[in-house]
Amino acid sequence: MDGAAPAFETAISELVQEIDAPRLRRNRRRTIMRNSRALFRIPSATDEAPPHLPKPKEFPMHKDQAEGAAKDMGGKVKEAAGKLTGNDRLEAEGHMDQAKGKVQKGVGDLKEGARDALKK
C-alpha cells in the first residue's frame, strides 16, 4: 500500500498539470505580449523622454538642411570619382554640387533659426 500512495500522488499531479497547462500557456502568452508591447512601443510626441536622454526636438532638421547635406555629399563623391578617373569635368561638377549643397544647407539653417525664434 505504501507504493501505491506515491504513484497515486504522481498521477494526480500529472492530471492537474494537464488541466492547468492551457491556462498556464495562455497566461504565459499574455505576459509575453504585455512585455513585448512595452519593449517595442513606438513613443509618441507627448511621451516624456527618460531622464538620461535629452528631449527630442519636434523638427530636428529643416528639409533644406538635409537636402543640402545630401548634395554636398554627392558632390564629394563626384569630385573623388573625377579625381580617380582623371575626368576634369566630373571633378568640376563635384565642386559645383558641393557649393550648391552648402548654400542650400545655409538656407535651411536660416529657416530653422527663424522658426526657433518665432517659437520662443
N, C-alpha and C. Protein backbone atom coordinates (compact mmCIF):
# COMPACT_ATOMS: atom_id res chain seq x y z
N MET A 1 0.81 -1.19 0.00
CA MET A 1 0.00 0.00 0.00
C MET A 1 0.86 1.25 0.00
N ASP A 2 2.06 1.17 0.55
CA ASP A 2 2.92 2.34 0.59
C ASP A 2 3.37 2.74 -0.82
N GLY A 3 3.57 1.77 -1.70
CA GLY A 3 3.99 2.06 -3.08
C GLY A 3 2.87 2.68 -3.90
N ALA A 4 1.64 2.46 -3.49
CA ALA A 4 0.50 2.97 -4.25
C ALA A 4 0.30 4.46 -4.00
N ALA A 5 0.64 4.94 -2.82
CA ALA A 5 0.42 6.35 -2.48
C ALA A 5 1.26 7.28 -3.34
N PRO A 6 2.57 7.03 -3.49
CA PRO A 6 3.34 7.93 -4.35
C PRO A 6 2.90 7.86 -5.81
N ALA A 7 2.53 6.69 -6.29
CA ALA A 7 2.05 6.56 -7.66
C ALA A 7 0.75 7.33 -7.84
N PHE A 8 -0.12 7.25 -6.86
CA PHE A 8 -1.40 7.97 -6.91
C PHE A 8 -1.14 9.48 -6.90
N GLU A 9 -0.22 9.95 -6.05
CA GLU A 9 0.09 11.38 -5.98
C GLU A 9 0.72 11.86 -7.29
N THR A 10 1.56 11.02 -7.87
CA THR A 10 2.19 11.36 -9.14
C THR A 10 1.14 11.47 -10.24
N ALA A 11 0.21 10.52 -10.26
CA ALA A 11 -0.86 10.54 -11.27
C ALA A 11 -1.73 11.77 -11.09
N ILE A 12 -2.05 12.11 -9.85
CA ILE A 12 -2.87 13.30 -9.58
C ILE A 12 -2.13 14.56 -10.01
N SER A 13 -0.85 14.68 -9.69
CA SER A 13 -0.10 15.88 -10.05
C SER A 13 0.02 16.01 -11.57
N GLU A 14 0.19 14.88 -12.28
CA GLU A 14 0.24 14.93 -13.74
C GLU A 14 -1.10 15.35 -14.32
N LEU A 15 -2.18 14.86 -13.73
CA LEU A 15 -3.52 15.23 -14.18
C LEU A 15 -3.77 16.72 -13.96
N VAL A 16 -3.35 17.24 -12.82
CA VAL A 16 -3.52 18.67 -12.53
C VAL A 16 -2.71 19.51 -13.51
N GLN A 17 -1.49 19.06 -13.83
CA GLN A 17 -0.66 19.80 -14.78
C GLN A 17 -1.29 19.82 -16.16
N GLU A 18 -1.90 18.69 -16.56
CA GLU A 18 -2.56 18.64 -17.86
C GLU A 18 -3.75 19.58 -17.90
N ILE A 19 -4.47 19.64 -16.81
CA ILE A 19 -5.65 20.52 -16.75
C ILE A 19 -5.22 21.98 -16.74
N ASP A 20 -4.17 22.30 -16.00
CA ASP A 20 -3.71 23.68 -15.87
C ASP A 20 -2.84 24.14 -17.04
N ALA A 21 -2.36 23.23 -17.88
CA ALA A 21 -1.44 23.58 -18.95
C ALA A 21 -1.99 24.65 -19.90
N PRO A 22 -3.24 24.52 -20.40
CA PRO A 22 -3.74 25.58 -21.30
C PRO A 22 -3.82 26.93 -20.62
N ARG A 23 -4.24 26.93 -19.35
CA ARG A 23 -4.34 28.19 -18.61
C ARG A 23 -2.95 28.80 -18.42
N LEU A 24 -1.96 27.96 -18.10
CA LEU A 24 -0.60 28.45 -17.92
C LEU A 24 -0.02 28.99 -19.23
N ARG A 25 -0.27 28.27 -20.34
CA ARG A 25 0.21 28.74 -21.63
C ARG A 25 -0.44 30.07 -22.00
N ARG A 26 -1.74 30.18 -21.74
CA ARG A 26 -2.45 31.41 -22.04
C ARG A 26 -1.89 32.56 -21.22
N ASN A 27 -1.64 32.33 -19.92
CA ASN A 27 -1.07 33.38 -19.08
C ASN A 27 0.35 33.73 -19.52
N ARG A 28 1.12 32.74 -19.94
CA ARG A 28 2.47 32.99 -20.40
C ARG A 28 2.44 33.83 -21.68
N ARG A 29 1.49 33.50 -22.60
CA ARG A 29 1.35 34.29 -23.82
C ARG A 29 0.97 35.73 -23.49
N ARG A 30 0.04 35.90 -22.57
CA ARG A 30 -0.37 37.25 -22.18
C ARG A 30 0.81 38.04 -21.62
N THR A 31 1.59 37.39 -20.78
CA THR A 31 2.75 38.06 -20.18
C THR A 31 3.76 38.44 -21.26
N ILE A 32 4.01 37.53 -22.19
CA ILE A 32 4.96 37.82 -23.27
C ILE A 32 4.46 38.98 -24.12
N MET A 33 3.17 38.96 -24.46
CA MET A 33 2.62 40.04 -25.28
C MET A 33 2.68 41.37 -24.54
N ARG A 34 2.35 41.37 -23.28
CA ARG A 34 2.38 42.60 -22.49
C ARG A 34 3.80 43.15 -22.44
N ASN A 35 4.78 42.27 -22.22
CA ASN A 35 6.17 42.72 -22.15
C ASN A 35 6.68 43.20 -23.50
N SER A 36 6.29 42.51 -24.57
CA SER A 36 6.77 42.91 -25.89
C SER A 36 6.15 44.24 -26.30
N ARG A 37 4.90 44.49 -25.93
CA ARG A 37 4.30 45.79 -26.23
C ARG A 37 5.05 46.90 -25.54
N ALA A 38 5.47 46.65 -24.31
CA ALA A 38 6.20 47.67 -23.57
C ALA A 38 7.59 47.88 -24.17
N LEU A 39 8.21 46.80 -24.65
CA LEU A 39 9.56 46.91 -25.20
C LEU A 39 9.57 47.57 -26.57
N PHE A 40 8.60 47.23 -27.41
CA PHE A 40 8.63 47.68 -28.78
C PHE A 40 7.61 48.77 -29.08
N ARG A 41 7.15 49.45 -28.07
CA ARG A 41 6.17 50.51 -28.27
C ARG A 41 6.86 51.72 -28.86
N ILE A 42 6.25 52.30 -29.88
CA ILE A 42 6.80 53.49 -30.50
C ILE A 42 6.34 54.69 -29.67
N PRO A 43 7.27 55.46 -29.15
CA PRO A 43 6.87 56.59 -28.31
C PRO A 43 6.20 57.67 -29.15
N SER A 44 5.20 58.29 -28.57
CA SER A 44 4.52 59.38 -29.27
C SER A 44 5.17 60.70 -28.87
N ALA A 45 4.75 61.77 -29.52
CA ALA A 45 5.34 63.08 -29.25
C ALA A 45 5.00 63.58 -27.85
N THR A 46 3.91 63.05 -27.26
CA THR A 46 3.50 63.53 -25.94
C THR A 46 4.19 62.79 -24.81
N ASP A 47 4.87 61.66 -25.13
CA ASP A 47 5.56 60.90 -24.09
C ASP A 47 6.75 61.70 -23.56
N GLU A 48 7.01 61.52 -22.30
CA GLU A 48 8.18 62.16 -21.71
C GLU A 48 9.40 61.30 -21.99
N ALA A 49 10.50 61.96 -22.29
CA ALA A 49 11.75 61.23 -22.53
C ALA A 49 12.30 60.74 -21.20
N PRO A 50 12.98 59.60 -21.21
CA PRO A 50 13.63 59.15 -19.98
C PRO A 50 14.61 60.21 -19.49
N PRO A 51 14.84 60.29 -18.19
CA PRO A 51 15.68 61.36 -17.66
C PRO A 51 17.12 61.34 -18.16
N HIS A 52 17.62 60.18 -18.57
CA HIS A 52 19.00 60.11 -19.02
C HIS A 52 19.17 60.49 -20.49
N LEU A 53 18.06 60.70 -21.22
CA LEU A 53 18.14 61.07 -22.62
C LEU A 53 17.67 62.50 -22.81
N PRO A 54 18.26 63.23 -23.73
CA PRO A 54 17.76 64.58 -24.00
C PRO A 54 16.39 64.51 -24.66
N LYS A 55 15.59 65.53 -24.43
CA LYS A 55 14.26 65.56 -25.05
C LYS A 55 14.41 65.80 -26.54
N PRO A 56 13.69 65.02 -27.36
CA PRO A 56 13.82 65.21 -28.80
C PRO A 56 13.14 66.50 -29.25
N LYS A 57 13.72 67.14 -30.25
CA LYS A 57 13.09 68.32 -30.83
C LYS A 57 11.96 67.85 -31.74
N GLU A 58 10.96 68.69 -31.88
CA GLU A 58 9.86 68.31 -32.76
C GLU A 58 10.34 68.21 -34.21
N PHE A 59 11.14 69.18 -34.65
CA PHE A 59 11.67 69.20 -36.01
C PHE A 59 13.19 69.25 -35.90
N PRO A 60 13.84 68.10 -35.93
CA PRO A 60 15.28 68.09 -35.70
C PRO A 60 16.08 68.80 -36.78
N MET A 61 15.60 68.79 -38.02
CA MET A 61 16.37 69.39 -39.10
C MET A 61 15.40 69.86 -40.18
N HIS A 62 15.66 71.03 -40.71
CA HIS A 62 14.83 71.52 -41.81
C HIS A 62 15.14 70.71 -43.06
N LYS A 63 14.16 70.55 -43.94
CA LYS A 63 14.39 69.71 -45.12
C LYS A 63 15.47 70.28 -46.02
N ASP A 64 15.62 71.61 -46.05
CA ASP A 64 16.69 72.20 -46.85
C ASP A 64 18.07 71.83 -46.30
N GLN A 65 18.17 71.70 -44.98
CA GLN A 65 19.44 71.28 -44.39
C GLN A 65 19.79 69.87 -44.83
N ALA A 66 18.80 68.98 -44.80
CA ALA A 66 19.04 67.59 -45.17
C ALA A 66 19.37 67.48 -46.66
N GLU A 67 18.61 68.17 -47.50
CA GLU A 67 18.87 68.12 -48.93
C GLU A 67 20.22 68.73 -49.27
N GLY A 68 20.57 69.82 -48.58
CA GLY A 68 21.87 70.45 -48.81
C GLY A 68 23.01 69.53 -48.42
N ALA A 69 22.86 68.85 -47.29
CA ALA A 69 23.90 67.91 -46.86
C ALA A 69 24.03 66.76 -47.86
N ALA A 70 22.90 66.31 -48.39
CA ALA A 70 22.93 65.23 -49.37
C ALA A 70 23.63 65.68 -50.66
N LYS A 71 23.33 66.91 -51.12
CA LYS A 71 24.00 67.43 -52.32
C LYS A 71 25.50 67.59 -52.08
N ASP A 72 25.86 68.04 -50.90
CA ASP A 72 27.27 68.22 -50.56
C ASP A 72 27.99 66.87 -50.61
N MET A 73 27.38 65.84 -50.03
CA MET A 73 27.99 64.51 -50.05
C MET A 73 28.07 63.96 -51.48
N GLY A 74 27.02 64.19 -52.26
CA GLY A 74 27.04 63.75 -53.65
C GLY A 74 28.14 64.44 -54.43
N GLY A 75 28.34 65.74 -54.15
CA GLY A 75 29.42 66.47 -54.80
C GLY A 75 30.79 65.93 -54.43
N LYS A 76 30.95 65.54 -53.15
CA LYS A 76 32.23 64.96 -52.73
C LYS A 76 32.49 63.65 -53.44
N VAL A 77 31.43 62.85 -53.62
CA VAL A 77 31.58 61.58 -54.33
C VAL A 77 31.97 61.84 -55.79
N LYS A 78 31.27 62.80 -56.43
CA LYS A 78 31.60 63.12 -57.81
C LYS A 78 33.03 63.62 -57.94
N GLU A 79 33.43 64.48 -57.01
CA GLU A 79 34.79 65.00 -57.05
C GLU A 79 35.82 63.87 -56.93
N ALA A 80 35.59 62.97 -55.98
CA ALA A 80 36.51 61.85 -55.80
C ALA A 80 36.54 60.95 -57.02
N ALA A 81 35.37 60.71 -57.62
CA ALA A 81 35.32 59.88 -58.83
C ALA A 81 36.05 60.57 -59.97
N GLY A 82 35.89 61.89 -60.08
CA GLY A 82 36.58 62.64 -61.13
C GLY A 82 38.09 62.59 -60.96
N LYS A 83 38.55 62.72 -59.71
CA LYS A 83 39.99 62.64 -59.46
C LYS A 83 40.52 61.25 -59.76
N LEU A 84 39.74 60.24 -59.38
CA LEU A 84 40.17 58.86 -59.56
C LEU A 84 40.28 58.49 -61.04
N THR A 85 39.30 58.96 -61.83
CA THR A 85 39.30 58.61 -63.26
C THR A 85 40.05 59.62 -64.11
N GLY A 86 40.42 60.76 -63.52
CA GLY A 86 41.10 61.79 -64.29
C GLY A 86 40.15 62.61 -65.13
N ASN A 87 38.88 62.60 -64.81
CA ASN A 87 37.85 63.33 -65.55
C ASN A 87 37.69 64.71 -64.91
N ASP A 88 38.21 65.74 -65.57
CA ASP A 88 38.16 67.09 -65.01
C ASP A 88 36.74 67.63 -64.93
N ARG A 89 35.91 67.27 -65.93
CA ARG A 89 34.53 67.76 -65.93
C ARG A 89 33.76 67.21 -64.73
N LEU A 90 33.91 65.91 -64.45
CA LEU A 90 33.21 65.30 -63.32
C LEU A 90 33.70 65.90 -62.00
N GLU A 91 34.98 66.17 -61.92
CA GLU A 91 35.53 66.79 -60.72
C GLU A 91 34.96 68.20 -60.53
N ALA A 92 34.84 68.96 -61.63
CA ALA A 92 34.26 70.31 -61.55
C ALA A 92 32.79 70.25 -61.15
N GLU A 93 32.05 69.27 -61.68
CA GLU A 93 30.64 69.10 -61.29
C GLU A 93 30.54 68.80 -59.80
N GLY A 94 31.49 68.02 -59.31
CA GLY A 94 31.50 67.72 -57.88
C GLY A 94 31.70 68.96 -57.04
N HIS A 95 32.62 69.82 -57.46
CA HIS A 95 32.84 71.09 -56.73
C HIS A 95 31.58 71.95 -56.77
N MET A 96 30.93 71.98 -57.95
CA MET A 96 29.72 72.78 -58.10
C MET A 96 28.59 72.24 -57.20
N ASP A 97 28.43 70.92 -57.17
CA ASP A 97 27.39 70.31 -56.33
C ASP A 97 27.67 70.57 -54.84
N GLN A 98 28.94 70.54 -54.46
CA GLN A 98 29.29 70.84 -53.07
C GLN A 98 28.90 72.27 -52.72
N ALA A 99 29.17 73.21 -53.63
CA ALA A 99 28.81 74.61 -53.37
C ALA A 99 27.30 74.77 -53.26
N LYS A 100 26.55 74.11 -54.18
CA LYS A 100 25.09 74.17 -54.12
C LYS A 100 24.58 73.60 -52.80
N GLY A 101 25.16 72.49 -52.38
CA GLY A 101 24.73 71.86 -51.13
C GLY A 101 25.00 72.74 -49.93
N LYS A 102 26.15 73.40 -49.90
CA LYS A 102 26.47 74.28 -48.77
C LYS A 102 25.54 75.48 -48.72
N VAL A 103 25.21 76.03 -49.89
CA VAL A 103 24.27 77.15 -49.93
C VAL A 103 22.89 76.70 -49.44
N GLN A 104 22.43 75.55 -49.94
CA GLN A 104 21.10 75.07 -49.53
C GLN A 104 21.07 74.75 -48.04
N LYS A 105 22.16 74.20 -47.52
CA LYS A 105 22.23 73.91 -46.09
C LYS A 105 22.19 75.21 -45.29
N GLY A 106 22.86 76.25 -45.78
CA GLY A 106 22.82 77.56 -45.12
C GLY A 106 21.41 78.14 -45.11
N VAL A 107 20.69 77.98 -46.21
CA VAL A 107 19.30 78.44 -46.27
C VAL A 107 18.46 77.69 -45.23
N GLY A 108 18.69 76.40 -45.12
CA GLY A 108 17.98 75.61 -44.12
C GLY A 108 18.31 76.04 -42.71
N ASP A 109 19.58 76.39 -42.46
CA ASP A 109 19.97 76.90 -41.15
C ASP A 109 19.23 78.19 -40.82
N LEU A 110 19.14 79.08 -41.81
CA LEU A 110 18.41 80.34 -41.60
C LEU A 110 16.93 80.09 -41.31
N LYS A 111 16.34 79.19 -42.08
CA LYS A 111 14.92 78.88 -41.86
C LYS A 111 14.69 78.27 -40.48
N GLU A 112 15.59 77.38 -40.06
CA GLU A 112 15.44 76.77 -38.74
C GLU A 112 15.63 77.82 -37.64
N GLY A 113 16.58 78.73 -37.83
CA GLY A 113 16.78 79.79 -36.85
C GLY A 113 15.57 80.69 -36.74
N ALA A 114 14.95 81.01 -37.88
CA ALA A 114 13.74 81.82 -37.86
C ALA A 114 12.60 81.09 -37.17
N ARG A 115 12.48 79.80 -37.45
CA ARG A 115 11.42 79.01 -36.81
C ARG A 115 11.62 78.96 -35.30
N ASP A 116 12.87 78.75 -34.88
CA ASP A 116 13.14 78.71 -33.45
C ASP A 116 12.89 80.05 -32.78
N ALA A 117 13.22 81.15 -33.48
CA ALA A 117 13.00 82.48 -32.93
C ALA A 117 11.50 82.77 -32.79
N LEU A 118 10.71 82.34 -33.77
CA LEU A 118 9.28 82.55 -33.70
C LEU A 118 8.62 81.69 -32.64
N LYS A 119 9.22 80.56 -32.36
CA LYS A 119 8.66 79.64 -31.37
C LYS A 119 8.79 80.18 -29.95
N LYS A 120 9.83 80.94 -29.71
CA LYS A 120 10.10 81.44 -28.35
C LYS A 120 9.27 82.61 -28.02
